Every structure is written in structure tokens, then in C-alpha cells.
Amino acid sequence: EPQMANGAARSLKEGKIVRNEREPQTIADGARTVSLGENNWEIIKTGVSEIIEVSEDKIKESLRLFFGLANLKVEPTGALSLGAVIENADKFKDKKVCVVVSGGYVDAEIYRQILV
């Protein structure tokens, strides 16, 4: 999840849902939540051992890689999976990794600024 909107990671570390005071302004707008949902928390607290937090720079780098190498226009939230791999390259070194890519909606001007 975005480092700027890391409610799930913080909740996992603290063992309870941690709420943000306001909506985080990450570029990954699909992950701008004030709080992790109760249903998601029930799954995460028992089924997830780690949540990787992705910096804004790595999200942008992922968008550029998807566009430049695969000709994919991916929205920032959809690029989080690749961002997590880039953010933790040593963890994934010499492993086969599958990343889920979703969404193509992003403001054209914001996208242009990222690609430049």
C-alpha cells in the first residue's frame, strides 16, 4: 500500500485498526482511505504476515516502467504491486513474481507530469 496511506500496515503492526485523521493525499488515489474496513481487517489480521509500503517515487517509477516497457497506461493504485517489488528488490531477487495490474484511469495532466 502507499507509504503515505499506510493504514493497513500500521493496523497490522499494532494489532488493531488504526485510523487516519484525514484522507491521505497519495498519488494512488484508489488507496486514499481514512480507515481499513472491518471486513478487510478480519482477513488481514489472521492471513497476512506483511504489508509492503510503497513510496510515491516508486509508484511513479512503476507507472513509467509499465508505460515504457509494456505500453500500458496504469493508474497509480494499479501500479502499487510493481512498486512493492521495486521498493524491496532484494526480497524478490531470483524469485518468480506475479504482479496484479489494474485500472487505466488517471488524470492526463498528472500522468504527463509523471512520465516526463
N, C-alpha and C. Protein backbone atom coordinates (compact mmCIF):
# COMPACT_ATOMS: atom_id res chain seq x y z
N GLU A 1 0.84 -1.17 0.00
CA GLU A 1 0.00 0.00 0.00
C GLU A 1 0.89 1.24 0.00
N PRO A 2 0.36 2.38 -0.37
CA PRO A 2 1.18 3.59 -0.37
C PRO A 2 1.71 3.91 1.03
N GLN A 3 2.95 4.30 1.09
CA GLN A 3 3.55 4.69 2.37
C GLN A 3 2.78 5.85 2.99
N MET A 4 2.27 6.74 2.14
CA MET A 4 1.52 7.90 2.62
C MET A 4 0.13 7.53 3.14
N ALA A 5 -0.37 6.37 2.75
CA ALA A 5 -1.71 5.93 3.15
C ALA A 5 -1.60 4.51 3.70
N ASN A 6 -0.82 4.36 4.75
CA ASN A 6 -0.43 3.04 5.24
C ASN A 6 -1.26 2.54 6.42
N GLY A 7 -2.54 2.79 6.38
CA GLY A 7 -3.41 2.37 7.47
C GLY A 7 -3.42 0.87 7.71
N ALA A 8 -3.38 0.09 6.64
CA ALA A 8 -3.38 -1.37 6.81
C ALA A 8 -2.08 -1.84 7.44
N ALA A 9 -0.95 -1.32 6.97
CA ALA A 9 0.35 -1.72 7.53
C ALA A 9 0.44 -1.32 9.00
N ARG A 10 0.00 -0.13 9.32
CA ARG A 10 0.03 0.32 10.71
C ARG A 10 -0.90 -0.52 11.57
N SER A 11 -2.07 -0.86 11.03
CA SER A 11 -3.02 -1.70 11.77
C SER A 11 -2.44 -3.08 12.03
N LEU A 12 -1.80 -3.66 11.02
CA LEU A 12 -1.20 -4.99 11.19
C LEU A 12 -0.13 -4.96 12.28
N LYS A 13 0.68 -3.92 12.28
CA LYS A 13 1.75 -3.80 13.29
C LYS A 13 1.18 -3.62 14.70
N GLU A 14 0.08 -2.87 14.80
CA GLU A 14 -0.48 -2.57 16.13
C GLU A 14 -1.52 -3.58 16.59
N GLY A 15 -1.95 -4.45 15.67
CA GLY A 15 -2.92 -5.47 16.05
C GLY A 15 -4.35 -4.98 16.19
N LYS A 16 -4.63 -3.81 15.67
CA LYS A 16 -5.98 -3.23 15.70
C LYS A 16 -6.08 -2.21 14.58
N ILE A 17 -7.29 -1.88 14.20
CA ILE A 17 -7.47 -0.90 13.13
C ILE A 17 -6.99 0.46 13.60
N VAL A 18 -6.10 1.05 12.80
CA VAL A 18 -5.58 2.39 13.06
C VAL A 18 -6.19 3.32 12.02
N ARG A 19 -6.80 4.38 12.48
CA ARG A 19 -7.49 5.32 11.58
C ARG A 19 -6.64 6.57 11.35
N ASN A 20 -6.73 7.09 10.12
CA ASN A 20 -6.08 8.36 9.79
C ASN A 20 -6.99 9.50 10.21
N GLU A 21 -6.42 10.63 10.52
CA GLU A 21 -7.22 11.80 10.88
C GLU A 21 -7.96 12.36 9.67
N ARG A 22 -7.36 12.22 8.49
CA ARG A 22 -7.98 12.69 7.25
C ARG A 22 -7.51 11.83 6.10
N GLU A 23 -8.12 12.00 4.97
CA GLU A 23 -7.78 11.20 3.79
C GLU A 23 -6.36 11.51 3.34
N PRO A 24 -5.48 10.51 3.27
CA PRO A 24 -4.10 10.73 2.84
C PRO A 24 -4.05 11.16 1.37
N GLN A 25 -3.18 12.06 1.03
CA GLN A 25 -3.12 12.60 -0.33
C GLN A 25 -2.04 11.93 -1.17
N THR A 26 -2.04 10.61 -1.18
CA THR A 26 -1.12 9.85 -2.02
C THR A 26 -1.54 9.97 -3.48
N ILE A 27 -0.58 9.80 -4.38
CA ILE A 27 -0.89 9.78 -5.81
C ILE A 27 -1.76 8.58 -6.15
N ALA A 28 -1.70 7.54 -5.35
CA ALA A 28 -2.52 6.34 -5.55
C ALA A 28 -3.90 6.61 -4.96
N ASP A 29 -4.70 7.37 -5.68
CA ASP A 29 -5.96 7.86 -5.14
C ASP A 29 -6.96 6.75 -4.80
N GLY A 30 -6.83 5.59 -5.39
CA GLY A 30 -7.71 4.48 -5.06
C GLY A 30 -7.42 3.89 -3.69
N ALA A 31 -6.33 4.32 -3.08
CA ALA A 31 -5.96 3.82 -1.75
C ALA A 31 -6.07 4.92 -0.69
N ARG A 32 -6.74 5.99 -1.05
CA ARG A 32 -6.92 7.10 -0.10
C ARG A 32 -8.09 6.80 0.83
N THR A 33 -7.81 6.13 1.90
CA THR A 33 -8.87 5.81 2.85
C THR A 33 -8.52 6.33 4.24
N VAL A 34 -9.55 6.66 4.96
CA VAL A 34 -9.36 7.11 6.34
C VAL A 34 -9.10 5.93 7.25
N SER A 35 -9.68 4.77 6.86
CA SER A 35 -9.55 3.60 7.72
C SER A 35 -9.68 2.32 6.91
N LEU A 36 -9.00 1.32 7.36
CA LEU A 36 -9.17 -0.03 6.85
C LEU A 36 -10.57 -0.50 7.23
N GLY A 37 -11.24 -1.21 6.35
CA GLY A 37 -12.59 -1.70 6.65
C GLY A 37 -12.57 -2.90 7.59
N GLU A 38 -13.65 -3.07 8.32
CA GLU A 38 -13.77 -4.18 9.27
C GLU A 38 -13.62 -5.53 8.58
N ASN A 39 -14.26 -5.71 7.41
CA ASN A 39 -14.18 -6.98 6.70
C ASN A 39 -12.76 -7.27 6.23
N ASN A 40 -12.09 -6.23 5.70
CA ASN A 40 -10.70 -6.40 5.29
C ASN A 40 -9.81 -6.73 6.48
N TRP A 41 -10.06 -6.06 7.59
CA TRP A 41 -9.26 -6.28 8.79
C TRP A 41 -9.36 -7.73 9.26
N GLU A 42 -10.54 -8.30 9.19
CA GLU A 42 -10.73 -9.69 9.62
C GLU A 42 -9.83 -10.64 8.81
N ILE A 43 -9.65 -10.36 7.55
CA ILE A 43 -8.80 -11.19 6.69
C ILE A 43 -7.32 -10.89 6.96
N ILE A 44 -6.99 -9.62 7.00
CA ILE A 44 -5.59 -9.20 7.16
C ILE A 44 -5.01 -9.65 8.49
N LYS A 45 -5.75 -9.48 9.57
CA LYS A 45 -5.17 -9.75 10.90
C LYS A 45 -4.78 -11.21 11.10
N THR A 46 -5.39 -12.12 10.37
CA THR A 46 -5.04 -13.53 10.53
C THR A 46 -4.36 -14.14 9.31
N GLY A 47 -4.50 -13.51 8.15
CA GLY A 47 -3.99 -14.12 6.94
C GLY A 47 -2.84 -13.41 6.26
N VAL A 48 -2.39 -12.30 6.83
CA VAL A 48 -1.32 -11.52 6.20
C VAL A 48 -0.16 -11.37 7.19
N SER A 49 1.03 -11.68 6.72
CA SER A 49 2.19 -11.56 7.61
C SER A 49 2.93 -10.24 7.42
N GLU A 50 2.77 -9.60 6.26
CA GLU A 50 3.50 -8.36 5.99
C GLU A 50 2.76 -7.55 4.93
N ILE A 51 2.80 -6.25 5.07
CA ILE A 51 2.29 -5.34 4.05
C ILE A 51 3.45 -4.43 3.67
N ILE A 52 3.75 -4.40 2.38
CA ILE A 52 4.85 -3.58 1.89
C ILE A 52 4.34 -2.17 1.62
N GLU A 53 5.02 -1.20 2.16
CA GLU A 53 4.67 0.20 1.97
C GLU A 53 5.51 0.76 0.82
N VAL A 54 4.83 1.40 -0.12
CA VAL A 54 5.47 1.87 -1.35
C VAL A 54 5.53 3.40 -1.36
N SER A 55 6.73 3.93 -1.59
CA SER A 55 6.91 5.37 -1.64
C SER A 55 6.27 5.95 -2.90
N GLU A 56 5.99 7.23 -2.85
CA GLU A 56 5.42 7.92 -4.01
C GLU A 56 6.36 7.82 -5.22
N ASP A 57 7.66 7.93 -4.96
CA ASP A 57 8.64 7.83 -6.05
C ASP A 57 8.60 6.46 -6.73
N LYS A 58 8.44 5.41 -5.96
CA LYS A 58 8.39 4.05 -6.55
C LYS A 58 7.08 3.82 -7.30
N ILE A 59 6.00 4.42 -6.83
CA ILE A 59 4.74 4.33 -7.57
C ILE A 59 4.92 4.99 -8.94
N LYS A 60 5.51 6.17 -8.95
CA LYS A 60 5.74 6.88 -10.22
C LYS A 60 6.70 6.09 -11.12
N GLU A 61 7.74 5.53 -10.54
CA GLU A 61 8.69 4.73 -11.32
C GLU A 61 7.96 3.54 -11.96
N SER A 62 7.07 2.93 -11.23
CA SER A 62 6.30 1.80 -11.75
C SER A 62 5.43 2.21 -12.93
N LEU A 63 4.78 3.36 -12.80
CA LEU A 63 3.97 3.86 -13.91
C LEU A 63 4.82 4.06 -15.17
N ARG A 64 6.00 4.63 -14.99
CA ARG A 64 6.89 4.86 -16.14
C ARG A 64 7.34 3.54 -16.75
N LEU A 65 7.64 2.55 -15.91
CA LEU A 65 8.05 1.24 -16.43
C LEU A 65 6.93 0.55 -17.20
N PHE A 66 5.73 0.55 -16.64
CA PHE A 66 4.60 -0.05 -17.35
C PHE A 66 4.38 0.61 -18.70
N PHE A 67 4.46 1.94 -18.73
CA PHE A 67 4.23 2.67 -19.97
C PHE A 67 5.37 2.44 -20.96
N GLY A 68 6.60 2.56 -20.49
CA GLY A 68 7.76 2.47 -21.36
C GLY A 68 8.08 1.08 -21.85
N LEU A 69 7.90 0.06 -21.02
CA LEU A 69 8.28 -1.30 -21.38
C LEU A 69 7.12 -2.15 -21.90
N ALA A 70 5.92 -1.84 -21.46
CA ALA A 70 4.78 -2.69 -21.85
C ALA A 70 3.67 -1.91 -22.55
N ASN A 71 3.88 -0.61 -22.76
CA ASN A 71 2.88 0.24 -23.40
C ASN A 71 1.53 0.18 -22.67
N LEU A 72 1.59 0.12 -21.34
CA LEU A 72 0.39 0.08 -20.52
C LEU A 72 0.21 1.39 -19.78
N LYS A 73 -0.99 1.95 -19.90
CA LYS A 73 -1.34 3.12 -19.10
C LYS A 73 -2.03 2.58 -17.85
N VAL A 74 -1.35 2.63 -16.73
CA VAL A 74 -1.83 2.06 -15.47
C VAL A 74 -2.06 3.20 -14.48
N GLU A 75 -3.15 3.12 -13.76
CA GLU A 75 -3.38 4.15 -12.74
C GLU A 75 -2.44 3.90 -11.56
N PRO A 76 -2.13 4.94 -10.79
CA PRO A 76 -1.17 4.79 -9.69
C PRO A 76 -1.50 3.67 -8.71
N THR A 77 -2.76 3.51 -8.34
CA THR A 77 -3.11 2.44 -7.40
C THR A 77 -2.83 1.08 -8.02
N GLY A 78 -3.06 0.95 -9.32
CA GLY A 78 -2.80 -0.31 -10.01
C GLY A 78 -1.33 -0.63 -10.16
N ALA A 79 -0.48 0.36 -9.96
CA ALA A 79 0.96 0.17 -10.07
C ALA A 79 1.61 -0.16 -8.73
N LEU A 80 0.83 -0.23 -7.67
CA LEU A 80 1.40 -0.50 -6.33
C LEU A 80 2.13 -1.84 -6.27
N SER A 81 1.62 -2.85 -6.95
CA SER A 81 2.24 -4.17 -6.87
C SER A 81 3.67 -4.14 -7.42
N LEU A 82 3.85 -3.52 -8.57
CA LEU A 82 5.22 -3.40 -9.11
C LEU A 82 6.06 -2.49 -8.22
N GLY A 83 5.45 -1.45 -7.70
CA GLY A 83 6.16 -0.56 -6.79
C GLY A 83 6.69 -1.29 -5.57
N ALA A 84 5.90 -2.24 -5.07
CA ALA A 84 6.34 -3.03 -3.91
C ALA A 84 7.54 -3.88 -4.25
N VAL A 85 7.57 -4.43 -5.45
CA VAL A 85 8.72 -5.24 -5.88
C VAL A 85 9.95 -4.36 -6.02
N ILE A 86 9.79 -3.20 -6.63
CA ILE A 86 10.92 -2.27 -6.80
C ILE A 86 11.41 -1.77 -5.45
N GLU A 87 10.48 -1.45 -4.56
CA GLU A 87 10.82 -0.94 -3.23
C GLU A 87 11.62 -1.95 -2.43
N ASN A 88 11.40 -3.23 -2.68
CA ASN A 88 12.05 -4.31 -1.92
C ASN A 88 12.72 -5.29 -2.87
N ALA A 89 13.53 -4.79 -3.75
CA ALA A 89 14.15 -5.62 -4.80
C ALA A 89 14.90 -6.82 -4.22
N ASP A 90 15.59 -6.65 -3.14
CA ASP A 90 16.36 -7.77 -2.56
C ASP A 90 15.45 -8.91 -2.11
N LYS A 91 14.29 -8.58 -1.60
CA LYS A 91 13.34 -9.58 -1.12
C LYS A 91 12.85 -10.47 -2.27
N PHE A 92 12.77 -9.89 -3.46
CA PHE A 92 12.22 -10.61 -4.61
C PHE A 92 13.28 -11.11 -5.58
N LYS A 93 14.54 -10.83 -5.29
CA LYS A 93 15.63 -11.22 -6.18
C LYS A 93 15.63 -12.74 -6.40
N ASP A 94 15.81 -13.14 -7.65
CA ASP A 94 15.89 -14.55 -8.06
C ASP A 94 14.60 -15.33 -7.77
N LYS A 95 13.48 -14.64 -7.68
CA LYS A 95 12.20 -15.31 -7.46
C LYS A 95 11.28 -15.01 -8.64
N LYS A 96 10.38 -15.92 -8.90
CA LYS A 96 9.35 -15.67 -9.88
C LYS A 96 8.25 -14.89 -9.17
N VAL A 97 7.88 -13.78 -9.75
CA VAL A 97 6.92 -12.89 -9.12
C VAL A 97 5.81 -12.55 -10.11
N CYS A 98 4.60 -12.58 -9.66
CA CYS A 98 3.45 -12.16 -10.45
C CYS A 98 2.90 -10.90 -9.80
N VAL A 99 2.71 -9.85 -10.58
CA VAL A 99 2.10 -8.64 -10.05
C VAL A 99 0.75 -8.43 -10.72
N VAL A 100 -0.21 -8.01 -9.96
CA VAL A 100 -1.53 -7.71 -10.48
C VAL A 100 -1.55 -6.24 -10.89
N VAL A 101 -1.98 -5.99 -12.11
CA VAL A 101 -2.04 -4.64 -12.65
C VAL A 101 -3.49 -4.34 -12.98
N SER A 102 -3.97 -3.20 -12.51
CA SER A 102 -5.37 -2.88 -12.77
C SER A 102 -5.55 -1.39 -13.02
N GLY A 103 -6.60 -1.07 -13.72
CA GLY A 103 -7.02 0.31 -13.90
C GLY A 103 -6.17 1.11 -14.85
N GLY A 104 -6.83 1.96 -15.61
CA GLY A 104 -6.13 2.83 -16.54
C GLY A 104 -6.59 4.26 -16.44
N TYR A 105 -7.42 4.54 -15.43
CA TYR A 105 -7.94 5.91 -15.29
C TYR A 105 -6.97 6.74 -14.47
N VAL A 106 -6.47 7.78 -15.09
CA VAL A 106 -5.63 8.74 -14.38
C VAL A 106 -5.75 10.07 -15.13
N ASP A 107 -5.76 11.15 -14.40
CA ASP A 107 -5.84 12.47 -14.99
C ASP A 107 -4.68 12.66 -15.97
N ALA A 108 -5.00 13.09 -17.19
CA ALA A 108 -4.00 13.19 -18.26
C ALA A 108 -2.83 14.10 -17.88
N GLU A 109 -3.10 15.21 -17.23
CA GLU A 109 -2.03 16.13 -16.86
C GLU A 109 -1.12 15.54 -15.79
N ILE A 110 -1.70 14.89 -14.81
CA ILE A 110 -0.90 14.22 -13.78
C ILE A 110 -0.05 13.13 -14.41
N TYR A 111 -0.65 12.36 -15.31
CA TYR A 111 0.09 11.28 -15.97
C TYR A 111 1.25 11.84 -16.78
N ARG A 112 1.02 12.95 -17.50
CA ARG A 112 2.08 13.58 -18.29
C ARG A 112 3.23 14.02 -17.39
N GLN A 113 2.90 14.60 -16.25
CA GLN A 113 3.92 15.07 -15.31
C GLN A 113 4.77 13.89 -14.78
N ILE A 114 4.14 12.76 -14.57
CA ILE A 114 4.85 11.59 -14.06
C ILE A 114 5.79 11.04 -15.14
N LEU A 115 5.33 10.99 -16.37
CA LEU A 115 6.11 10.39 -17.45
C LEU A 115 7.30 11.25 -17.88
N VAL A 116 7.23 12.52 -17.65
CA VAL A 116 8.31 13.42 -18.08
C VAL A 116 9.53 13.26 -17.21
